[in-house]
Amino acid sequence: MQLAWNLYASDVSEKLPPNSSGWQAGQSSDEPSWVAGYLATSSTPDNTNATLLIGQVYQKWGSLGGYAKNPAIYHCPSDASQDSKSRILRVRSISMNGWINPGVNSVVSKRFWGLHFEKYRKITDYVRLSTSDGFVFLDERPESINDGWFMVAMETYNLNNLAGLKIRDLPAIYHNRATTLTFADGHAESHRWLDGRTFKLKFSKQGQSAPNNHDVLWLMEHATKPE
């Protein structure tokens, strides 16, 4: 997937794939995205529709399906989450860092443009955050994943007040207390979480407090940097 991301950028003058939020992401020119489909913990056709990942129709709206043509690579083998009705495995386990080219028309992602943190529309926008430190894709927790836009809520980022940290979307932890991530320079790595509270977090759509949690701080510092 990371190779597809880099190939996309090299073909369009270093512009990065769009990354919109919401259930319509990737399905129109108003809300382009690297992937279409909105997953749910209940039953929905999107849960098992691989065409939303690689279908040609979505490629004009930013889909990486023209580069990542095998739907299997969108899904972690350790992700056993299923559509609640069909009991078929859901097709996608990964999401993209929400600070990478966030959708300007989507209700949630458009808010990022008003916040004073780096947004990465092109490779050259990596200034304070290096491409070797900035994560792109990661496995997302099964109950957290929906669209392809992974929200890292930086509003509470304050090195002088770690007690105020909050988290929204949750990374999946499939591999021995670790999450697999890829980075903008092209490499991938497994990051091991160290705070026991991280494993006990339950997804909350409104976000939740994570006071003095250095795992949450690590995620923030590898998503973006203050402008």
C-alpha atoms as a PDB file:
ATOM      1  CA  MET A   1       0.000   0.000   0.000  1.00  0.00           C
ATOM      2  CA  GLN A   2       2.836   2.361   0.777  1.00  0.00           C
ATOM      3  CA  LEU A   3       4.395   1.659  -2.609  1.00  0.00           C
ATOM      4  CA  ALA A   4       1.051   2.490  -4.262  1.00  0.00           C
ATOM      5  CA  TRP A   5       0.941   5.762  -2.293  1.00  0.00           C
ATOM      6  CA  ASN A   6       4.423   6.735  -3.468  1.00  0.00           C
ATOM      7  CA  LEU A   7       3.706   5.736  -7.074  1.00  0.00           C
ATOM      8  CA  TYR A   8       0.552   7.855  -7.069  1.00  0.00           C
ATOM      9  CA  ALA A   9       2.528  10.873  -5.877  1.00  0.00           C
ATOM     10  CA  SER A  10       5.255  10.372  -8.478  1.00  0.00           C
ATOM     11  CA  ASP A  11       2.645  10.328 -11.256  1.00  0.00           C
ATOM     12  CA  VAL A  12       0.891  13.571 -10.234  1.00  0.00           C
ATOM     13  CA  SER A  13       3.738  16.008  -9.525  1.00  0.00           C
ATOM     14  CA  GLU A  14       4.267  14.812  -5.933  1.00  0.00           C
ATOM     15  CA  LYS A  15       0.646  15.487  -4.941  1.00  0.00           C
ATOM     16  CA  LEU A  16      -0.478  13.056  -2.264  1.00  0.00           C
ATOM     17  CA  PRO A  17      -3.648  10.969  -2.474  1.00  0.00           C
ATOM     18  CA  PRO A  18      -6.764  12.748  -1.180  1.00  0.00           C
ATOM     19  CA  ASN A  19      -8.112  11.625   2.156  1.00  0.00           C
ATOM     20  CA  SER A  20     -11.703  12.629   2.866  1.00  0.00           C
ATOM     21  CA  SER A  21     -13.850  11.662   5.828  1.00  0.00           C
ATOM     22  CA  GLY A  22     -17.409  10.377   5.880  1.00  0.00           C
ATOM     23  CA  TRP A  23     -19.572   7.744   4.238  1.00  0.00           C
ATOM     24  CA  GLN A  24     -19.422   9.428   0.797  1.00  0.00           C
ATOM     25  CA  ALA A  25     -15.628   9.705   0.710  1.00  0.00           C
ATOM     26  CA  GLY A  26     -14.075   8.540  -2.522  1.00  0.00           C
ATOM     27  CA  GLN A  27     -17.345   8.512  -4.433  1.00  0.00           C
ATOM     28  CA  SER A  28     -17.449  11.959  -6.001  1.00  0.00           C
ATOM     29  CA  SER A  29     -15.224  14.817  -7.148  1.00  0.00           C
ATOM     30  CA  ASP A  30     -16.403  16.854  -4.135  1.00  0.00           C
ATOM     31  CA  GLU A  31     -15.098  14.294  -1.653  1.00  0.00           C
ATOM     32  CA  PRO A  32     -12.184  12.474  -3.312  1.00  0.00           C
ATOM     33  CA  SER A  33     -10.309   9.861  -1.340  1.00  0.00           C
ATOM     34  CA  TRP A  34      -7.691   7.163  -1.631  1.00  0.00           C
ATOM     35  CA  VAL A  35     -10.387   4.577  -0.863  1.00  0.00           C
ATOM     36  CA  ALA A  36     -14.164   4.410  -0.939  1.00  0.00           C
ATOM     37  CA  GLY A  37     -16.411   2.528   1.455  1.00  0.00           C
ATOM     38  CA  TYR A  38     -17.655   3.071   4.993  1.00  0.00           C
ATOM     39  CA  LEU A  39     -17.308   0.071   7.271  1.00  0.00           C
ATOM     40  CA  ALA A  40     -19.556  -0.694  10.219  1.00  0.00           C
ATOM     41  CA  THR A  41     -19.602  -3.113  13.134  1.00  0.00           C
ATOM     42  CA  SER A  42     -23.128  -4.107  12.071  1.00  0.00           C
ATOM     43  CA  SER A  43     -24.060  -5.222   8.541  1.00  0.00           C
ATOM     44  CA  THR A  44     -23.554  -3.056   5.451  1.00  0.00           C
ATOM     45  CA  PRO A  45     -22.709  -3.889   1.825  1.00  0.00           C
ATOM     46  CA  ASP A  46     -19.517  -1.799   2.131  1.00  0.00           C
ATOM     47  CA  ASN A  47     -18.117  -4.291   4.657  1.00  0.00           C
ATOM     48  CA  THR A  48     -17.585  -6.937   1.969  1.00  0.00           C
ATOM     49  CA  ASN A  49     -17.447  -4.928  -1.273  1.00  0.00           C
ATOM     50  CA  ALA A  50     -13.895  -5.122  -2.656  1.00  0.00           C
ATOM     51  CA  THR A  51     -14.910  -3.046  -5.688  1.00  0.00           C
ATOM     52  CA  LEU A  52     -14.844  -0.004  -3.410  1.00  0.00           C
ATOM     53  CA  LEU A  53     -11.120  -0.632  -2.940  1.00  0.00           C
ATOM     54  CA  ILE A  54      -9.960  -1.322  -6.487  1.00  0.00           C
ATOM     55  CA  GLY A  55     -12.872  -0.493  -8.794  1.00  0.00           C
ATOM     56  CA  GLN A  56     -11.877   1.583 -11.807  1.00  0.00           C
ATOM     57  CA  VAL A  57     -14.809   3.955 -11.412  1.00  0.00           C
ATOM     58  CA  TYR A  58     -13.329   5.308  -8.166  1.00  0.00           C
ATOM     59  CA  GLN A  59      -9.889   6.003  -9.563  1.00  0.00           C
ATOM     60  CA  LYS A  60     -10.964   9.340 -11.046  1.00  0.00           C
ATOM     61  CA  TRP A  61     -11.732  10.430  -7.479  1.00  0.00           C
ATOM     62  CA  GLY A  62      -8.323   9.629  -6.023  1.00  0.00           C
ATOM     63  CA  SER A  63      -8.554   5.877  -5.398  1.00  0.00           C
ATOM     64  CA  LEU A  64      -5.273   4.012  -5.106  1.00  0.00           C
ATOM     65  CA  GLY A  65      -6.955   1.002  -6.703  1.00  0.00           C
ATOM     66  CA  GLY A  66      -5.096   1.565  -9.966  1.00  0.00           C
ATOM     67  CA  TYR A  67      -1.808   0.989  -8.130  1.00  0.00           C
ATOM     68  CA  ALA A  68      -2.875  -1.399  -5.357  1.00  0.00           C
ATOM     69  CA  LYS A  69      -4.896  -3.801  -7.488  1.00  0.00           C
ATOM     70  CA  ASN A  70      -5.047  -6.757  -5.119  1.00  0.00           C
ATOM     71  CA  PRO A  71      -7.845  -6.230  -2.566  1.00  0.00           C
ATOM     72  CA  ALA A  72      -6.127  -8.617  -0.142  1.00  0.00           C
ATOM     73  CA  ILE A  73      -3.438  -6.067   0.719  1.00  0.00           C
ATOM     74  CA  TYR A  74      -6.052  -3.741   2.230  1.00  0.00           C
ATOM     75  CA  HIS A  75      -6.765  -6.341   4.909  1.00  0.00           C
ATOM     76  CA  CYS A  76      -4.569  -7.578   7.752  1.00  0.00           C
ATOM     77  CA  PRO A  77      -4.699 -11.387   8.061  1.00  0.00           C
ATOM     78  CA  SER A  78      -4.991 -10.975  11.836  1.00  0.00           C
ATOM     79  CA  ASP A  79      -8.177  -8.922  11.504  1.00  0.00           C
ATOM     80  CA  ALA A  80     -11.029 -11.368  12.111  1.00  0.00           C
ATOM     81  CA  SER A  81     -13.826  -8.772  12.125  1.00  0.00           C
ATOM     82  CA  GLN A  82     -16.852  -9.812  10.065  1.00  0.00           C
ATOM     83  CA  ASP A  83     -20.004  -8.378   8.608  1.00  0.00           C
ATOM     84  CA  SER A  84     -22.565  -9.154  11.309  1.00  0.00           C
ATOM     85  CA  LYS A  85     -25.115 -10.657   8.896  1.00  0.00           C
ATOM     86  CA  SER A  86     -23.107 -12.501   6.242  1.00  0.00           C
ATOM     87  CA  ARG A  87     -20.240 -13.487   8.592  1.00  0.00           C
ATOM     88  CA  ILE A  88     -17.826 -12.669   5.767  1.00  0.00           C
ATOM     89  CA  LEU A  89     -14.572 -10.948   6.714  1.00  0.00           C
ATOM     90  CA  ARG A  90     -14.599  -7.214   6.205  1.00  0.00           C
ATOM     91  CA  VAL A  91     -12.458  -6.108   3.278  1.00  0.00           C
ATOM     92  CA  ARG A  92     -10.324  -3.395   4.869  1.00  0.00           C
ATOM     93  CA  SER A  93      -8.242  -3.095   8.038  1.00  0.00           C
ATOM     94  CA  ILE A  94      -6.163  -0.013   7.225  1.00  0.00           C
ATOM     95  CA  SER A  95      -6.664   3.736   7.278  1.00  0.00           C
ATOM     96  CA  MET A  96      -4.554   6.749   6.325  1.00  0.00           C
ATOM     97  CA  ASN A  97      -3.244   9.464   8.637  1.00  0.00           C
ATOM     98  CA  GLY A  98      -5.896  12.196   8.623  1.00  0.00           C
ATOM     99  CA  TRP A  99      -3.320  14.981   8.304  1.00  0.00           C
ATOM    100  CA  ILE A 100      -2.379  13.783   4.822  1.00  0.00           C
ATOM    101  CA  ASN A 101      -4.364  15.823   2.290  1.00  0.00           C
ATOM    102  CA  PRO A 102      -7.581  15.905   4.349  1.00  0.00           C
ATOM    103  CA  GLY A 103     -10.803  16.399   2.399  1.00  0.00           C
ATOM    104  CA  VAL A 104     -11.701  20.067   2.179  1.00  0.00           C
ATOM    105  CA  ASN A 105     -15.441  19.467   1.726  1.00  0.00           C
ATOM    106  CA  SER A 106     -16.069  16.679   4.218  1.00  0.00           C
ATOM    107  CA  VAL A 107     -17.694  17.759   7.453  1.00  0.00           C
ATOM    108  CA  VAL A 108     -14.999  16.416   9.783  1.00  0.00           C
ATOM    109  CA  SER A 109     -11.759  16.426   7.771  1.00  0.00           C
ATOM    110  CA  LYS A 110     -12.215  19.995   6.507  1.00  0.00           C
ATOM    111  CA  ARG A 111     -11.807  21.264  10.082  1.00  0.00           C
ATOM    112  CA  PHE A 112      -8.156  20.230  10.008  1.00  0.00           C
ATOM    113  CA  TRP A 113      -7.337  23.057   7.606  1.00  0.00           C
ATOM    114  CA  GLY A 114      -8.187  25.606  10.278  1.00  0.00           C
ATOM    115  CA  LEU A 115      -5.828  24.103  12.851  1.00  0.00           C
ATOM    116  CA  HIS A 116      -2.214  25.236  13.170  1.00  0.00           C
ATOM    117  CA  PHE A 117      -0.545  21.954  12.356  1.00  0.00           C
ATOM    118  CA  GLU A 118       1.159  20.795   9.179  1.00  0.00           C
ATOM    119  CA  LYS A 119      -1.123  19.376   6.464  1.00  0.00           C
ATOM    120  CA  TYR A 120       0.538  17.229   3.809  1.00  0.00           C
ATOM    121  CA  ARG A 121      -0.863  17.916   0.365  1.00  0.00           C
ATOM    122  CA  LYS A 122       2.504  17.322  -1.335  1.00  0.00           C
ATOM    123  CA  ILE A 123       5.704  15.555  -0.343  1.00  0.00           C
ATOM    124  CA  THR A 124       7.376  18.955  -0.014  1.00  0.00           C
ATOM    125  CA  ASP A 125       4.904  19.861   2.755  1.00  0.00           C
ATOM    126  CA  TYR A 126       6.853  17.616   5.120  1.00  0.00           C
ATOM    127  CA  VAL A 127       8.883  20.337   6.826  1.00  0.00           C
ATOM    128  CA  ARG A 128       8.904  20.014  10.603  1.00  0.00           C
ATOM    129  CA  LEU A 129       7.878  16.368  10.445  1.00  0.00           C
ATOM    130  CA  SER A 130      10.317  14.289   8.419  1.00  0.00           C
ATOM    131  CA  THR A 131       9.065  11.728   5.916  1.00  0.00           C
ATOM    132  CA  SER A 132      10.861   9.014   7.899  1.00  0.00           C
ATOM    133  CA  ASP A 133       8.855   9.914  11.031  1.00  0.00           C
ATOM    134  CA  GLY A 134       5.467  10.701   9.497  1.00  0.00           C
ATOM    135  CA  PHE A 135       3.163   7.683   9.377  1.00  0.00           C
ATOM    136  CA  VAL A 136       0.867   7.137   6.401  1.00  0.00           C
ATOM    137  CA  PHE A 137      -1.060   3.869   6.820  1.00  0.00           C
ATOM    138  CA  LEU A 138      -1.816   1.902   9.943  1.00  0.00           C
ATOM    139  CA  ASP A 139      -4.070  -0.919  11.041  1.00  0.00           C
ATOM    140  CA  GLU A 140      -7.131   0.538  12.773  1.00  0.00           C
ATOM    141  CA  ARG A 141      -9.069  -1.050  15.625  1.00  0.00           C
ATOM    142  CA  PRO A 142     -12.047  -3.060  14.256  1.00  0.00           C
ATOM    143  CA  GLU A 143     -14.637  -1.123  16.270  1.00  0.00           C
ATOM    144  CA  SER A 144     -13.020   2.193  15.309  1.00  0.00           C
ATOM    145  CA  ILE A 145     -12.583   1.816  11.554  1.00  0.00           C
ATOM    146  CA  ASN A 146     -15.198   3.265   9.197  1.00  0.00           C
ATOM    147  CA  ASP A 147     -13.945   5.547   6.404  1.00  0.00           C
ATOM    148  CA  GLY A 148     -10.302   5.509   5.303  1.00  0.00           C
ATOM    149  CA  TRP A 149      -9.500   8.691   7.261  1.00  0.00           C
ATOM    150  CA  PHE A 150      -7.712   8.093  10.584  1.00  0.00           C
ATOM    151  CA  MET A 151      -8.360  11.001  12.904  1.00  0.00           C
ATOM    152  CA  VAL A 152      -5.538  12.091  15.182  1.00  0.00           C
ATOM    153  CA  ALA A 153      -7.131  14.877  17.236  1.00  0.00           C
ATOM    154  CA  MET A 154      -4.301  17.337  17.820  1.00  0.00           C
ATOM    155  CA  GLU A 155      -6.377  19.947  19.639  1.00  0.00           C
ATOM    156  CA  THR A 156      -5.144  18.581  22.966  1.00  0.00           C
ATOM    157  CA  TYR A 157      -1.470  18.340  21.959  1.00  0.00           C
ATOM    158  CA  ASN A 158       0.416  20.300  24.602  1.00  0.00           C
ATOM    159  CA  LEU A 159       3.801  19.187  25.888  1.00  0.00           C
ATOM    160  CA  ASN A 160       3.201  21.301  28.998  1.00  0.00           C
ATOM    161  CA  ASN A 161      -0.084  19.577  29.795  1.00  0.00           C
ATOM    162  CA  LEU A 162       0.054  15.868  29.010  1.00  0.00           C
ATOM    163  CA  ALA A 163      -2.789  15.347  31.468  1.00  0.00           C
ATOM    164  CA  GLY A 164      -5.112  16.888  28.886  1.00  0.00           C
ATOM    165  CA  LEU A 165      -4.383  14.442  26.065  1.00  0.00           C
ATOM    166  CA  LYS A 166      -7.341  12.930  24.216  1.00  0.00           C
ATOM    167  CA  ILE A 167      -7.664  10.299  21.506  1.00  0.00           C
ATOM    168  CA  ARG A 168     -10.323   9.628  18.880  1.00  0.00           C
ATOM    169  CA  ASP A 169      -9.640   6.838  16.340  1.00  0.00           C
ATOM    170  CA  LEU A 170      -7.732   3.863  17.739  1.00  0.00           C
ATOM    171  CA  PRO A 171      -4.841   1.893  16.230  1.00  0.00           C
ATOM    172  CA  ALA A 172      -5.358  -1.861  15.998  1.00  0.00           C
ATOM    173  CA  ILE A 173      -3.171  -4.042  18.179  1.00  0.00           C
ATOM    174  CA  TYR A 174      -2.868  -7.363  16.388  1.00  0.00           C
ATOM    175  CA  HIS A 175       0.810  -8.171  16.722  1.00  0.00           C
ATOM    176  CA  ASN A 176       2.131  -8.763  20.246  1.00  0.00           C
ATOM    177  CA  ARG A 177       1.114  -5.377  21.707  1.00  0.00           C
ATOM    178  CA  ALA A 178       2.193  -3.610  18.511  1.00  0.00           C
ATOM    179  CA  THR A 179       0.741  -1.894  15.449  1.00  0.00           C
ATOM    180  CA  THR A 180       2.121  -1.999  11.929  1.00  0.00           C
ATOM    181  CA  LEU A 181       2.544   1.411  10.275  1.00  0.00           C
ATOM    182  CA  THR A 182       4.049   2.683   7.039  1.00  0.00           C
ATOM    183  CA  PHE A 183       5.866   5.994   6.644  1.00  0.00           C
ATOM    184  CA  ALA A 184       6.108   8.679   3.988  1.00  0.00           C
ATOM    185  CA  ASP A 185       9.692   7.786   3.066  1.00  0.00           C
ATOM    186  CA  GLY A 186       8.472   4.323   2.055  1.00  0.00           C
ATOM    187  CA  HIS A 187       9.485   2.163   5.010  1.00  0.00           C
ATOM    188  CA  ALA A 188       7.248   0.156   7.327  1.00  0.00           C
ATOM    189  CA  GLU A 189       7.703  -0.797  10.949  1.00  0.00           C
ATOM    190  CA  SER A 190       5.969  -2.372  13.887  1.00  0.00           C
ATOM    191  CA  HIS A 191       5.506  -0.017  16.827  1.00  0.00           C
ATOM    192  CA  ARG A 192       5.098  -1.536  20.279  1.00  0.00           C
ATOM    193  CA  TRP A 193       2.759   0.258  22.690  1.00  0.00           C
ATOM    194  CA  LEU A 194       4.007   0.570  26.254  1.00  0.00           C
ATOM    195  CA  ASP A 195       1.170   1.981  28.354  1.00  0.00           C
ATOM    196  CA  GLY A 196      -1.192  -0.710  29.617  1.00  0.00           C
ATOM    197  CA  ARG A 197      -4.094   1.739  29.441  1.00  0.00           C
ATOM    198  CA  THR A 198      -3.743   1.858  25.649  1.00  0.00           C
ATOM    199  CA  PHE A 199      -4.984  -1.727  25.320  1.00  0.00           C
ATOM    200  CA  LYS A 200      -8.040  -1.026  27.461  1.00  0.00           C
ATOM    201  CA  LEU A 201      -9.290   1.915  25.387  1.00  0.00           C
ATOM    202  CA  LYS A 202     -12.747   1.426  23.884  1.00  0.00           C
ATOM    203  CA  PHE A 203     -13.683   3.422  20.822  1.00  0.00           C
ATOM    204  CA  SER A 204     -15.732   6.542  21.454  1.00  0.00           C
ATOM    205  CA  LYS A 205     -17.010   8.597  18.527  1.00  0.00           C
ATOM    206  CA  GLN A 206     -16.723  11.715  20.669  1.00  0.00           C
ATOM    207  CA  GLY A 207     -13.147  10.914  21.671  1.00  0.00           C
ATOM    208  CA  GLN A 208     -11.872  10.184  25.138  1.00  0.00           C
ATOM    209  CA  SER A 209      -9.332  11.365  27.654  1.00  0.00           C
ATOM    210  CA  ALA A 210      -5.911   9.708  27.704  1.00  0.00           C
ATOM    211  CA  PRO A 211      -4.055  11.619  30.428  1.00  0.00           C
ATOM    212  CA  ASN A 212      -0.267  11.285  30.449  1.00  0.00           C
ATOM    213  CA  ASN A 213      -0.445   8.462  27.920  1.00  0.00           C
ATOM    214  CA  HIS A 214       2.844   8.485  26.027  1.00  0.00           C
ATOM    215  CA  ASP A 215       1.471   6.081  23.418  1.00  0.00           C
ATOM    216  CA  VAL A 216      -1.083   8.733  22.463  1.00  0.00           C
ATOM    217  CA  LEU A 217       1.651  11.359  22.458  1.00  0.00           C
ATOM    218  CA  TRP A 218       3.769   9.160  20.132  1.00  0.00           C
ATOM    219  CA  LEU A 219       0.863   8.838  17.709  1.00  0.00           C
ATOM    220  CA  MET A 220       0.358  12.601  17.672  1.00  0.00           C
ATOM    221  CA  GLU A 221       4.035  13.370  17.144  1.00  0.00           C
ATOM    222  CA  HIS A 222       4.215  10.987  14.193  1.00  0.00           C
ATOM    223  CA  ALA A 223       1.033  12.312  12.563  1.00  0.00           C
ATOM    224  CA  THR A 224       1.947  15.996  12.195  1.00  0.00           C
ATOM    225  CA  LYS A 225       3.821  18.873  13.832  1.00  0.00           C
ATOM    226  CA  PRO A 226       2.798  22.382  14.871  1.00  0.00           C
ATOM    227  CA  GLU A 227       3.191  24.890  12.034  1.00  0.00           C
END
